[in-house]
Amino acid sequence: MGAALGLGQRGRGRTAPNPNVGCIITQNGRVIGRGWTQPGGRPHAEAMALDQAGGDAAGATLYTTLEPCAHVSPRGPACSDLIIAAKIARVVIALVDPDARTCGLGIAALKAAGIAVAQGAGADAARIGMAGFLTRQALGRPYVTLKLAASIDGQIALASGESKWITGPQARAHSHGERARHEAILVGRGTLVADAPMLDVRLAGLEARSPRRILLSSTGDAPSGWQVLRTPADVATLDAVNDVLVEGGARAAAAFLAADLVDRLLLYRAPIIIGAGKAAIGDIGLADLASAHGRWRLDDQRMLGSDRLDVYHRTRG
């Protein structure tokens, strides 16, 4: 299942509105098929792995990070039907698919065909790995990550506006890798005017994974090739987007935080002190300190050269 989860991450940021599923097929302790959801959502991970396994799939065990789909689509057959036809003996599933077209139906079809089914292996990791799809299903909007690159004292620029570069090359490379895992990237008008950002992925081999560019602006106008959202809540209207990366600036960050639409926070901190400058986040409307506590859970910390990355997740009910 760990290998299947890793394969699923290859598709993150490219499979919406479908989930980024990973699949492994084993026979007698040997891997005979690997698959992950392809760009645009098809082929599905199971279909890819079964195609690779071919006739050797009979009697094998299939590991998948999400329940195999049970609905036939104009774009392809139901994966549960493909698994049954391939005579797979056992299926191990991390998560039940929350999509009403499949939820429980794929598992029921497999069991009805005499296939042994196990559930729950790697479930926690699968929830993290497919957070975009799962958030879409549960809340009707994409999963939102807010990225901040700041000094020790929380500044993102000098008072003059100079901000290149706060962090070093390793942190910047990591942030480009994050861009490649999102279908869309958003900045506010202030950042657009001040920095004219390209918002592309500048890592060798990943240039084609540059996300769609979104501008948060109440005026409604944007450069060619950009899409405009007037409010943070409008992220729910983005088509074929599971994961959105908010990159700046302070007003856009504050707007998403005030609307409680940030699910994950990437905080890159450089070992510098700026003093009087431009704060990373504007006013988010907190009425008291008590309401600020208990909202964020630290899930990861690492050094990227001389910079530190802290990863937080929003704690919800």
C-alpha atoms as a PDB file:
ATOM      1  CA  MET A   1       0.000   0.000   0.000  1.00  0.00           C
ATOM      2  CA  GLY A   2       2.899   2.337   0.706  1.00  0.00           C
ATOM      3  CA  ALA A   3       4.070   1.917  -2.886  1.00  0.00           C
ATOM      4  CA  ALA A   4       0.545   2.555  -4.175  1.00  0.00           C
ATOM      5  CA  LEU A   5       0.320   5.731  -2.100  1.00  0.00           C
ATOM      6  CA  GLY A   6       3.602   6.914  -3.583  1.00  0.00           C
ATOM      7  CA  LEU A   7       2.380   6.263  -7.121  1.00  0.00           C
ATOM      8  CA  GLY A   8      -0.784   8.230  -6.411  1.00  0.00           C
ATOM      9  CA  GLN A   9       1.288  11.318  -5.670  1.00  0.00           C
ATOM     10  CA  ARG A  10       2.628  11.282  -9.226  1.00  0.00           C
ATOM     11  CA  GLY A  11      -0.796  12.420 -10.390  1.00  0.00           C
ATOM     12  CA  ARG A  12      -1.534  15.051  -7.762  1.00  0.00           C
ATOM     13  CA  GLY A  13      -2.323  18.352  -9.412  1.00  0.00           C
ATOM     14  CA  ARG A  14      -3.175  16.755 -12.767  1.00  0.00           C
ATOM     15  CA  THR A  15      -6.171  14.438 -12.294  1.00  0.00           C
ATOM     16  CA  ALA A  16      -9.024  16.779 -11.273  1.00  0.00           C
ATOM     17  CA  PRO A  17     -11.905  16.361 -11.002  1.00  0.00           C
ATOM     18  CA  ASN A  18     -10.890  12.731 -10.482  1.00  0.00           C
ATOM     19  CA  PRO A  19      -8.852  11.589  -7.469  1.00  0.00           C
ATOM     20  CA  ASN A  20      -5.127  10.903  -7.751  1.00  0.00           C
ATOM     21  CA  VAL A  21      -5.209   7.169  -7.052  1.00  0.00           C
ATOM     22  CA  GLY A  22      -2.277   4.756  -6.956  1.00  0.00           C
ATOM     23  CA  CYS A  23      -2.435   1.004  -7.560  1.00  0.00           C
ATOM     24  CA  ILE A  24      -0.079  -1.979  -7.213  1.00  0.00           C
ATOM     25  CA  ILE A  25      -0.753  -5.606  -8.246  1.00  0.00           C
ATOM     26  CA  THR A  26       1.314  -8.434  -6.747  1.00  0.00           C
ATOM     27  CA  GLN A  27       1.543 -12.126  -7.569  1.00  0.00           C
ATOM     28  CA  ASN A  28       3.587 -14.539  -5.439  1.00  0.00           C
ATOM     29  CA  GLY A  29       5.448 -11.684  -3.759  1.00  0.00           C
ATOM     30  CA  ARG A  30       6.327  -9.994  -7.061  1.00  0.00           C
ATOM     31  CA  VAL A  31       4.946  -6.716  -8.421  1.00  0.00           C
ATOM     32  CA  ILE A  32       3.337  -7.371 -11.806  1.00  0.00           C
ATOM     33  CA  GLY A  33       1.425  -4.130 -12.318  1.00  0.00           C
ATOM     34  CA  ARG A  34       1.705  -0.481 -11.352  1.00  0.00           C
ATOM     35  CA  GLY A  35      -0.671   2.367 -12.091  1.00  0.00           C
ATOM     36  CA  TRP A  36      -1.641   5.895 -11.143  1.00  0.00           C
ATOM     37  CA  THR A  37      -4.430   8.146 -12.379  1.00  0.00           C
ATOM     38  CA  GLN A  38      -3.292   9.811 -15.580  1.00  0.00           C
ATOM     39  CA  PRO A  39      -3.598  13.533 -16.486  1.00  0.00           C
ATOM     40  CA  GLY A  40      -7.206  14.588 -16.915  1.00  0.00           C
ATOM     41  CA  GLY A  41      -8.407  11.654 -14.820  1.00  0.00           C
ATOM     42  CA  ARG A  42      -8.099   8.761 -17.286  1.00  0.00           C
ATOM     43  CA  PRO A  43      -7.020   6.010 -17.461  1.00  0.00           C
ATOM     44  CA  HIS A  44      -7.679   5.221 -13.821  1.00  0.00           C
ATOM     45  CA  ALA A  45      -4.885   3.746 -11.716  1.00  0.00           C
ATOM     46  CA  GLU A  46      -6.434   0.268 -11.584  1.00  0.00           C
ATOM     47  CA  ALA A  47      -6.957   0.152 -15.344  1.00  0.00           C
ATOM     48  CA  MET A  48      -3.321   1.107 -15.944  1.00  0.00           C
ATOM     49  CA  ALA A  49      -2.020  -1.512 -13.499  1.00  0.00           C
ATOM     50  CA  LEU A  50      -4.281  -4.249 -14.876  1.00  0.00           C
ATOM     51  CA  ASP A  51      -3.174  -3.474 -18.419  1.00  0.00           C
ATOM     52  CA  GLN A  52       0.446  -3.834 -17.330  1.00  0.00           C
ATOM     53  CA  ALA A  53      -0.230  -7.102 -15.471  1.00  0.00           C
ATOM     54  CA  GLY A  54      -2.121  -8.656 -18.366  1.00  0.00           C
ATOM     55  CA  GLY A  55      -2.974 -12.343 -17.990  1.00  0.00           C
ATOM     56  CA  ASP A  56      -0.765 -12.651 -14.917  1.00  0.00           C
ATOM     57  CA  ALA A  57      -3.414 -10.769 -12.904  1.00  0.00           C
ATOM     58  CA  ALA A  58      -5.520 -13.903 -12.361  1.00  0.00           C
ATOM     59  CA  GLY A  59      -5.281 -14.893  -8.706  1.00  0.00           C
ATOM     60  CA  ALA A  60      -3.235 -11.800  -7.797  1.00  0.00           C
ATOM     61  CA  THR A  61      -3.675  -9.212  -5.039  1.00  0.00           C
ATOM     62  CA  LEU A  62      -4.494  -5.636  -5.994  1.00  0.00           C
ATOM     63  CA  TYR A  63      -3.716  -2.712  -3.679  1.00  0.00           C
ATOM     64  CA  THR A  64      -5.487   0.581  -4.383  1.00  0.00           C
ATOM     65  CA  THR A  65      -5.636   3.820  -2.431  1.00  0.00           C
ATOM     66  CA  LEU A  66      -9.352   4.351  -3.194  1.00  0.00           C
ATOM     67  CA  GLU A  67     -12.295   2.030  -3.718  1.00  0.00           C
ATOM     68  CA  PRO A  68     -12.439   0.974  -7.404  1.00  0.00           C
ATOM     69  CA  CYS A  69     -15.124   2.900  -9.251  1.00  0.00           C
ATOM     70  CA  ALA A  70     -18.455   1.182  -9.887  1.00  0.00           C
ATOM     71  CA  HIS A  71     -19.938   3.477 -12.541  1.00  0.00           C
ATOM     72  CA  VAL A  72     -19.417   3.197 -16.284  1.00  0.00           C
ATOM     73  CA  SER A  73     -18.346   6.463 -17.903  1.00  0.00           C
ATOM     74  CA  PRO A  74     -18.198   7.543 -21.563  1.00  0.00           C
ATOM     75  CA  ARG A  75     -14.470   7.907 -20.866  1.00  0.00           C
ATOM     76  CA  GLY A  76     -13.925   4.344 -19.700  1.00  0.00           C
ATOM     77  CA  PRO A  77     -15.270   1.217 -17.984  1.00  0.00           C
ATOM     78  CA  ALA A  78     -15.814   0.757 -14.253  1.00  0.00           C
ATOM     79  CA  CYS A  79     -12.622  -0.393 -12.533  1.00  0.00           C
ATOM     80  CA  SER A  80     -14.550  -2.855 -10.375  1.00  0.00           C
ATOM     81  CA  ASP A  81     -15.719  -4.580 -13.587  1.00  0.00           C
ATOM     82  CA  LEU A  82     -12.157  -4.676 -14.925  1.00  0.00           C
ATOM     83  CA  ILE A  83     -10.899  -6.232 -11.679  1.00  0.00           C
ATOM     84  CA  ILE A  84     -13.592  -8.894 -11.766  1.00  0.00           C
ATOM     85  CA  ALA A  85     -12.889  -9.686 -15.424  1.00  0.00           C
ATOM     86  CA  ALA A  86      -9.151 -10.012 -14.677  1.00  0.00           C
ATOM     87  CA  LYS A  87      -9.936 -12.646 -11.998  1.00  0.00           C
ATOM     88  CA  ILE A  88      -8.090 -10.800  -9.225  1.00  0.00           C
ATOM     89  CA  ALA A  89      -8.317 -12.860  -6.016  1.00  0.00           C
ATOM     90  CA  ARG A  90      -7.936 -10.173  -3.366  1.00  0.00           C
ATOM     91  CA  VAL A  91      -8.297  -6.385  -3.232  1.00  0.00           C
ATOM     92  CA  VAL A  92      -6.862  -4.165  -0.464  1.00  0.00           C
ATOM     93  CA  ILE A  93      -8.405  -0.679  -0.303  1.00  0.00           C
ATOM     94  CA  ALA A  94      -7.216   2.304   1.733  1.00  0.00           C
ATOM     95  CA  LEU A  95     -10.383   4.422   1.543  1.00  0.00           C
ATOM     96  CA  VAL A  96     -14.003   4.031   0.522  1.00  0.00           C
ATOM     97  CA  ASP A  97     -14.832   6.392  -2.348  1.00  0.00           C
ATOM     98  CA  PRO A  98     -17.145   9.182  -1.060  1.00  0.00           C
ATOM     99  CA  ASP A  99     -18.505   9.768  -4.588  1.00  0.00           C
ATOM    100  CA  ALA A 100     -22.156   8.685  -4.450  1.00  0.00           C
ATOM    101  CA  ARG A 101     -21.792   6.894  -7.812  1.00  0.00           C
ATOM    102  CA  THR A 102     -19.360   4.419  -6.229  1.00  0.00           C
ATOM    103  CA  CYS A 103     -19.505   4.746  -2.421  1.00  0.00           C
ATOM    104  CA  GLY A 104     -19.625   1.129  -1.235  1.00  0.00           C
ATOM    105  CA  LEU A 105     -20.915  -0.139  -4.586  1.00  0.00           C
ATOM    106  CA  GLY A 106     -17.470  -1.009  -5.904  1.00  0.00           C
ATOM    107  CA  ILE A 107     -16.694  -3.057  -2.802  1.00  0.00           C
ATOM    108  CA  ALA A 108     -20.092  -4.765  -2.972  1.00  0.00           C
ATOM    109  CA  ALA A 109     -19.516  -5.745  -6.619  1.00  0.00           C
ATOM    110  CA  LEU A 110     -16.106  -7.207  -5.833  1.00  0.00           C
ATOM    111  CA  LYS A 111     -17.445  -9.234  -2.904  1.00  0.00           C
ATOM    112  CA  ALA A 112     -20.402 -10.448  -4.960  1.00  0.00           C
ATOM    113  CA  ALA A 113     -17.897 -11.795  -7.514  1.00  0.00           C
ATOM    114  CA  GLY A 114     -16.136 -13.780  -4.771  1.00  0.00           C
ATOM    115  CA  ILE A 115     -13.156 -11.461  -4.421  1.00  0.00           C
ATOM    116  CA  ALA A 116     -11.745 -11.027  -0.908  1.00  0.00           C
ATOM    117  CA  VAL A 117     -11.741  -7.363   0.104  1.00  0.00           C
ATOM    118  CA  ALA A 118      -9.794  -5.701   2.944  1.00  0.00           C
ATOM    119  CA  GLN A 119     -10.238  -2.046   3.905  1.00  0.00           C
ATOM    120  CA  GLY A 120      -8.330   0.586   5.871  1.00  0.00           C
ATOM    121  CA  ALA A 121      -4.656  -0.123   5.152  1.00  0.00           C
ATOM    122  CA  GLY A 122      -2.894   3.239   4.752  1.00  0.00           C
ATOM    123  CA  ALA A 123      -6.119   5.161   5.286  1.00  0.00           C
ATOM    124  CA  ASP A 124      -4.578   8.153   7.080  1.00  0.00           C
ATOM    125  CA  ALA A 125      -1.881   8.618   4.429  1.00  0.00           C
ATOM    126  CA  ALA A 126      -4.477   8.238   1.684  1.00  0.00           C
ATOM    127  CA  ARG A 127      -6.592  11.025   3.192  1.00  0.00           C
ATOM    128  CA  ILE A 128      -3.579  13.327   3.091  1.00  0.00           C
ATOM    129  CA  GLY A 129      -2.522  12.243  -0.377  1.00  0.00           C
ATOM    130  CA  MET A 130      -5.986  12.732  -1.910  1.00  0.00           C
ATOM    131  CA  ALA A 131      -6.981  15.725   0.213  1.00  0.00           C
ATOM    132  CA  GLY A 132      -7.990  17.770  -2.831  1.00  0.00           C
ATOM    133  CA  PHE A 133     -10.507  15.244  -4.139  1.00  0.00           C
ATOM    134  CA  LEU A 134     -11.827  14.443  -0.674  1.00  0.00           C
ATOM    135  CA  THR A 135     -12.297  18.139   0.159  1.00  0.00           C
ATOM    136  CA  ARG A 136     -14.186  18.589  -3.113  1.00  0.00           C
ATOM    137  CA  GLN A 137     -16.489  15.739  -2.158  1.00  0.00           C
ATOM    138  CA  ALA A 138     -17.015  16.872   1.443  1.00  0.00           C
ATOM    139  CA  LEU A 139     -17.075  20.674   1.142  1.00  0.00           C
ATOM    140  CA  GLY A 140     -17.708  21.378  -2.524  1.00  0.00           C
ATOM    141  CA  ARG A 141     -14.454  23.292  -2.983  1.00  0.00           C
ATOM    142  CA  PRO A 142     -10.760  22.593  -3.622  1.00  0.00           C
ATOM    143  CA  TYR A 143      -8.194  21.954  -0.914  1.00  0.00           C
ATOM    144  CA  VAL A 144      -6.363  25.245  -0.267  1.00  0.00           C
ATOM    145  CA  THR A 145      -2.693  25.521   0.661  1.00  0.00           C
ATOM    146  CA  LEU A 146      -1.281  28.907   1.707  1.00  0.00           C
ATOM    147  CA  LYS A 147       2.427  29.412   1.102  1.00  0.00           C
ATOM    148  CA  LEU A 148       4.366  32.096   3.004  1.00  0.00           C
ATOM    149  CA  ALA A 149       8.075  32.892   2.684  1.00  0.00           C
ATOM    150  CA  ALA A 150       9.087  35.196   5.512  1.00  0.00           C
ATOM    151  CA  SER A 151      11.920  36.384   7.709  1.00  0.00           C
ATOM    152  CA  ILE A 152      12.273  35.287  11.332  1.00  0.00           C
ATOM    153  CA  ASP A 153      10.255  38.326  12.348  1.00  0.00           C
ATOM    154  CA  GLY A 154       7.426  37.577   9.898  1.00  0.00           C
ATOM    155  CA  GLN A 155       8.193  40.041   7.115  1.00  0.00           C
ATOM    156  CA  ILE A 156       7.885  39.189   3.420  1.00  0.00           C
ATOM    157  CA  ALA A 157       9.624  42.318   2.082  1.00  0.00           C
ATOM    158  CA  LEU A 158      11.509  45.434   3.029  1.00  0.00           C
ATOM    159  CA  ALA A 159       9.509  48.589   3.606  1.00  0.00           C
ATOM    160  CA  SER A 160      10.511  49.565   0.054  1.00  0.00           C
ATOM    161  CA  GLY A 161       8.818  46.438  -1.303  1.00  0.00           C
ATOM    162  CA  GLU A 162      12.025  44.576  -2.147  1.00  0.00           C
ATOM    163  CA  SER A 163      11.409  40.850  -1.645  1.00  0.00           C
ATOM    164  CA  LYS A 164      13.780  38.928  -3.928  1.00  0.00           C
ATOM    165  CA  TRP A 165      14.935  36.792  -2.405  1.00  0.00           C
ATOM    166  CA  ILE A 166      13.777  36.170   1.183  1.00  0.00           C
ATOM    167  CA  THR A 167      14.585  32.452   1.081  1.00  0.00           C
ATOM    168  CA  GLY A 168      17.435  30.539  -0.516  1.00  0.00           C
ATOM    169  CA  PRO A 169      17.571  28.293  -3.607  1.00  0.00           C
ATOM    170  CA  GLN A 170      16.639  25.048  -1.816  1.00  0.00           C
ATOM    171  CA  ALA A 171      13.460  26.555  -0.373  1.00  0.00           C
ATOM    172  CA  ARG A 172      12.553  28.088  -3.720  1.00  0.00           C
ATOM    173  CA  ALA A 173      13.069  24.748  -5.464  1.00  0.00           C
ATOM    174  CA  HIS A 174      10.822  23.065  -2.890  1.00  0.00           C
ATOM    175  CA  SER A 175       8.106  25.672  -3.489  1.00  0.00           C
ATOM    176  CA  HIS A 176       8.287  25.012  -7.245  1.00  0.00           C
ATOM    177  CA  GLY A 177       7.767  21.330  -6.497  1.00  0.00           C
ATOM    178  CA  GLU A 178       4.657  22.339  -4.562  1.00  0.00           C
ATOM    179  CA  ARG A 179       3.420  24.328  -7.562  1.00  0.00           C
ATOM    180  CA  ALA A 180       3.653  21.173  -9.658  1.00  0.00           C
ATOM    181  CA  ARG A 181       1.258  19.424  -7.232  1.00  0.00           C
ATOM    182  CA  HIS A 182      -1.540  21.969  -7.708  1.00  0.00           C
ATOM    183  CA  GLU A 183      -3.939  22.564 -10.588  1.00  0.00           C
ATOM    184  CA  ALA A 184      -4.193  26.293  -9.805  1.00  0.00           C
ATOM    185  CA  ILE A 185      -2.075  28.994  -8.174  1.00  0.00           C
ATOM    186  CA  LEU A 186      -3.457  32.297  -6.859  1.00  0.00           C
ATOM    187  CA  VAL A 187      -2.085  35.731  -5.984  1.00  0.00           C
ATOM    188  CA  GLY A 188      -3.670  39.061  -5.154  1.00  0.00           C
ATOM    189  CA  ARG A 189      -3.583  42.160  -7.347  1.00  0.00           C
ATOM    190  CA  GLY A 190      -0.924  43.805  -5.188  1.00  0.00           C
ATOM    191  CA  THR A 191       1.469  40.937  -5.870  1.00  0.00           C
ATOM    192  CA  LEU A 192       0.641  40.989  -9.570  1.00  0.00           C
ATOM    193  CA  VAL A 193       1.390  44.707  -9.852  1.00  0.00           C
ATOM    194  CA  ALA A 194       4.504  44.682  -7.652  1.00  0.00           C
ATOM    195  CA  ASP A 195       6.167  41.483  -8.854  1.00  0.00           C
ATOM    196  CA  ALA A 196       4.577  40.502 -12.214  1.00  0.00           C
ATOM    197  CA  PRO A 197       5.032  36.847 -11.173  1.00  0.00           C
ATOM    198  CA  MET A 198       5.149  34.092 -13.792  1.00  0.00           C
ATOM    199  CA  LEU A 199       3.871  31.483 -11.294  1.00  0.00           C
ATOM    200  CA  ASP A 200       5.306  28.674 -13.425  1.00  0.00           C
ATOM    201  CA  VAL A 201       7.264  25.582 -12.435  1.00  0.00           C
ATOM    202  CA  ARG A 202      10.945  26.091 -13.089  1.00  0.00           C
ATOM    203  CA  LEU A 203      12.240  22.615 -12.280  1.00  0.00           C
ATOM    204  CA  ALA A 204      13.840  20.540 -15.026  1.00  0.00           C
ATOM    205  CA  GLY A 205      11.338  18.036 -16.393  1.00  0.00           C
ATOM    206  CA  LEU A 206       8.337  19.551 -14.594  1.00  0.00           C
ATOM    207  CA  GLU A 207       7.816  22.699 -16.650  1.00  0.00           C
ATOM    208  CA  ALA A 208       4.659  21.265 -18.226  1.00  0.00           C
ATOM    209  CA  ARG A 209       3.095  20.981 -14.782  1.00  0.00           C
ATOM    210  CA  SER A 210       2.805  24.740 -14.278  1.00  0.00           C
ATOM    211  CA  PRO A 211      -0.608  25.429 -12.695  1.00  0.00           C
ATOM    212  CA  ARG A 212      -3.400  27.671 -13.955  1.00  0.00           C
ATOM    213  CA  ARG A 213      -2.921  31.292 -12.858  1.00  0.00           C
ATOM    214  CA  ILE A 214      -5.676  32.844 -10.741  1.00  0.00           C
ATOM    215  CA  LEU A 215      -5.978  36.466  -9.641  1.00  0.00           C
ATOM    216  CA  LEU A 216      -7.944  37.496  -6.550  1.00  0.00           C
ATOM    217  CA  SER A 217      -9.352  40.892  -7.484  1.00  0.00           C
ATOM    218  CA  SER A 218     -12.571  42.775  -6.834  1.00  0.00           C
ATOM    219  CA  THR A 219     -12.217  44.683 -10.128  1.00  0.00           C
ATOM    220  CA  GLY A 220     -12.672  41.622 -12.295  1.00  0.00           C
ATOM    221  CA  ASP A 221      -9.933  42.358 -14.848  1.00  0.00           C
ATOM    222  CA  ALA A 222      -6.756  40.318 -15.329  1.00  0.00           C
ATOM    223  CA  PRO A 223      -3.965  39.782 -17.847  1.00  0.00           C
ATOM    224  CA  SER A 224      -4.511  37.387 -20.738  1.00  0.00           C
ATOM    225  CA  GLY A 225      -4.301  33.775 -19.610  1.00  0.00           C
ATOM    226  CA  TRP A 226      -5.350  34.536 -16.044  1.00  0.00           C
ATOM    227  CA  GLN A 227      -8.677  33.777 -14.375  1.00  0.00           C
ATOM    228  CA  VAL A 228     -10.242  36.188 -11.882  1.00  0.00           C
ATOM    229  CA  LEU A 229     -11.905  35.352  -8.583  1.00  0.00           C
ATOM    230  CA  ARG A 230     -13.605  38.228  -6.792  1.00  0.00           C
ATOM    231  CA  THR A 231     -13.701  36.584  -3.343  1.00  0.00           C
ATOM    232  CA  PRO A 232     -11.921  33.639  -1.693  1.00  0.00           C
ATOM    233  CA  ALA A 233     -15.220  31.732  -1.621  1.00  0.00           C
ATOM    234  CA  ASP A 234     -15.190  31.747  -5.419  1.00  0.00           C
ATOM    235  CA  VAL A 235     -12.543  28.997  -5.371  1.00  0.00           C
ATOM    236  CA  ALA A 236     -15.540  26.660  -5.261  1.00  0.00           C
ATOM    237  CA  THR A 237     -16.377  27.737  -8.833  1.00  0.00           C
ATOM    238  CA  LEU A 238     -13.035  26.635 -10.295  1.00  0.00           C
ATOM    239  CA  ASP A 239     -13.583  23.855 -12.800  1.00  0.00           C
ATOM    240  CA  ALA A 240     -11.388  20.735 -12.730  1.00  0.00           C
ATOM    241  CA  VAL A 241      -9.362  21.931  -9.743  1.00  0.00           C
ATOM    242  CA  ASN A 242      -8.759  19.776  -6.659  1.00  0.00           C
ATOM    243  CA  ASP A 243      -5.806  21.693  -5.197  1.00  0.00           C
ATOM    244  CA  VAL A 244      -5.195  25.461  -5.065  1.00  0.00           C
ATOM    245  CA  LEU A 245      -1.947  27.095  -3.939  1.00  0.00           C
ATOM    246  CA  VAL A 246      -2.248  30.655  -2.578  1.00  0.00           C
ATOM    247  CA  GLU A 247       1.122  32.380  -2.930  1.00  0.00           C
ATOM    248  CA  GLY A 248       0.500  35.981  -1.997  1.00  0.00           C
ATOM    249  CA  GLY A 249       0.511  38.619  -0.920  1.00  0.00           C
ATOM    250  CA  ALA A 250      -0.422  39.693   2.575  1.00  0.00           C
ATOM    251  CA  ARG A 251      -3.955  40.800   1.675  1.00  0.00           C
ATOM    252  CA  ALA A 252      -4.761  37.635  -0.263  1.00  0.00           C
ATOM    253  CA  ALA A 253      -3.382  35.500   2.575  1.00  0.00           C
ATOM    254  CA  ALA A 254      -5.454  37.416   5.111  1.00  0.00           C
ATOM    255  CA  ALA A 255      -8.587  37.140   2.967  1.00  0.00           C
ATOM    256  CA  PHE A 256      -8.356  33.347   2.763  1.00  0.00           C
ATOM    257  CA  LEU A 257      -7.551  33.017   6.458  1.00  0.00           C
ATOM    258  CA  ALA A 258     -10.395  35.338   7.462  1.00  0.00           C
ATOM    259  CA  ALA A 259     -12.774  33.245   5.357  1.00  0.00           C
ATOM    260  CA  ASP A 260     -11.405  30.091   7.041  1.00  0.00           C
ATOM    261  CA  LEU A 261     -10.566  28.597   3.646  1.00  0.00           C
ATOM    262  CA  VAL A 262      -6.957  27.599   4.315  1.00  0.00           C
ATOM    263  CA  ASP A 263      -6.506  23.864   4.898  1.00  0.00           C
ATOM    264  CA  ARG A 264      -2.718  23.699   4.880  1.00  0.00           C
ATOM    265  CA  LEU A 265      -0.003  26.239   5.598  1.00  0.00           C
ATOM    266  CA  LEU A 266       3.551  26.115   4.232  1.00  0.00           C
ATOM    267  CA  LEU A 267       5.732  28.517   6.190  1.00  0.00           C
ATOM    268  CA  TYR A 268       9.248  28.977   4.787  1.00  0.00           C
ATOM    269  CA  ARG A 269      11.360  30.997   7.237  1.00  0.00           C
ATOM    270  CA  ALA A 270      14.714  32.502   6.366  1.00  0.00           C
ATOM    271  CA  PRO A 271      17.322  33.165   9.092  1.00  0.00           C
ATOM    272  CA  ILE A 272      17.153  36.925   8.617  1.00  0.00           C
ATOM    273  CA  ILE A 273      15.566  39.822  10.515  1.00  0.00           C
ATOM    274  CA  ILE A 274      14.085  42.672   8.515  1.00  0.00           C
ATOM    275  CA  GLY A 275      12.478  44.860  11.146  1.00  0.00           C
ATOM    276  CA  ALA A 276      10.140  47.477   9.729  1.00  0.00           C
ATOM    277  CA  GLY A 277       8.919  45.939   6.491  1.00  0.00           C
ATOM    278  CA  LYS A 278       5.845  44.318   4.983  1.00  0.00           C
ATOM    279  CA  ALA A 279       4.115  41.746   7.193  1.00  0.00           C
ATOM    280  CA  ALA A 280       3.369  38.304   5.768  1.00  0.00           C
ATOM    281  CA  ILE A 281      -0.317  38.482   6.684  1.00  0.00           C
ATOM    282  CA  GLY A 282      -2.756  41.347   7.039  1.00  0.00           C
ATOM    283  CA  ASP A 283      -5.654  41.644   9.467  1.00  0.00           C
ATOM    284  CA  ILE A 284      -7.759  38.461   9.626  1.00  0.00           C
ATOM    285  CA  GLY A 285     -10.428  39.866  11.923  1.00  0.00           C
ATOM    286  CA  LEU A 286      -9.630  38.060  15.160  1.00  0.00           C
ATOM    287  CA  ALA A 287     -11.670  39.436  18.047  1.00  0.00           C
ATOM    288  CA  ASP A 288      -9.492  37.941  20.789  1.00  0.00           C
ATOM    289  CA  LEU A 289      -6.415  35.754  21.297  1.00  0.00           C
ATOM    290  CA  ALA A 290      -8.429  32.838  22.620  1.00  0.00           C
ATOM    291  CA  SER A 291     -10.024  32.304  19.207  1.00  0.00           C
ATOM    292  CA  ALA A 292      -6.572  31.997  17.611  1.00  0.00           C
ATOM    293  CA  HIS A 293      -5.603  28.921  19.639  1.00  0.00           C
ATOM    294  CA  GLY A 294      -6.287  25.329  18.670  1.00  0.00           C
ATOM    295  CA  ARG A 295      -6.737  26.025  14.970  1.00  0.00           C
ATOM    296  CA  TRP A 296      -3.438  24.726  13.568  1.00  0.00           C
ATOM    297  CA  ARG A 297      -1.564  21.427  13.933  1.00  0.00           C
ATOM    298  CA  LEU A 298       2.147  21.193  13.127  1.00  0.00           C
ATOM    299  CA  ASP A 299       2.648  18.129  10.912  1.00  0.00           C
ATOM    300  CA  ASP A 300       6.141  18.512   9.483  1.00  0.00           C
ATOM    301  CA  GLN A 301       9.373  20.433   9.953  1.00  0.00           C
ATOM    302  CA  ARG A 302      12.499  20.308   7.830  1.00  0.00           C
ATOM    303  CA  MET A 303      15.553  22.323   6.894  1.00  0.00           C
ATOM    304  CA  LEU A 304      15.967  23.452   3.293  1.00  0.00           C
ATOM    305  CA  GLY A 305      19.503  24.743   3.189  1.00  0.00           C
ATOM    306  CA  SER A 306      19.599  27.506   5.783  1.00  0.00           C
ATOM    307  CA  ASP A 307      15.812  27.994   5.690  1.00  0.00           C
ATOM    308  CA  ARG A 308      13.213  26.130   7.743  1.00  0.00           C
ATOM    309  CA  LEU A 309       9.904  24.807   6.492  1.00  0.00           C
ATOM    310  CA  ASP A 310       7.012  24.310   8.912  1.00  0.00           C
ATOM    311  CA  VAL A 311       3.889  22.585   7.597  1.00  0.00           C
ATOM    312  CA  TYR A 312       0.616  23.125   9.458  1.00  0.00           C
ATOM    313  CA  HIS A 313      -2.848  21.697   8.861  1.00  0.00           C
ATOM    314  CA  ARG A 314      -6.097  23.328   9.877  1.00  0.00           C
ATOM    315  CA  THR A 315      -7.862  21.398  12.624  1.00  0.00           C
ATOM    316  CA  ARG A 316     -11.558  21.140  11.865  1.00  0.00           C
ATOM    317  CA  GLY A 317     -14.295  19.691  14.059  1.00  0.00           C
END
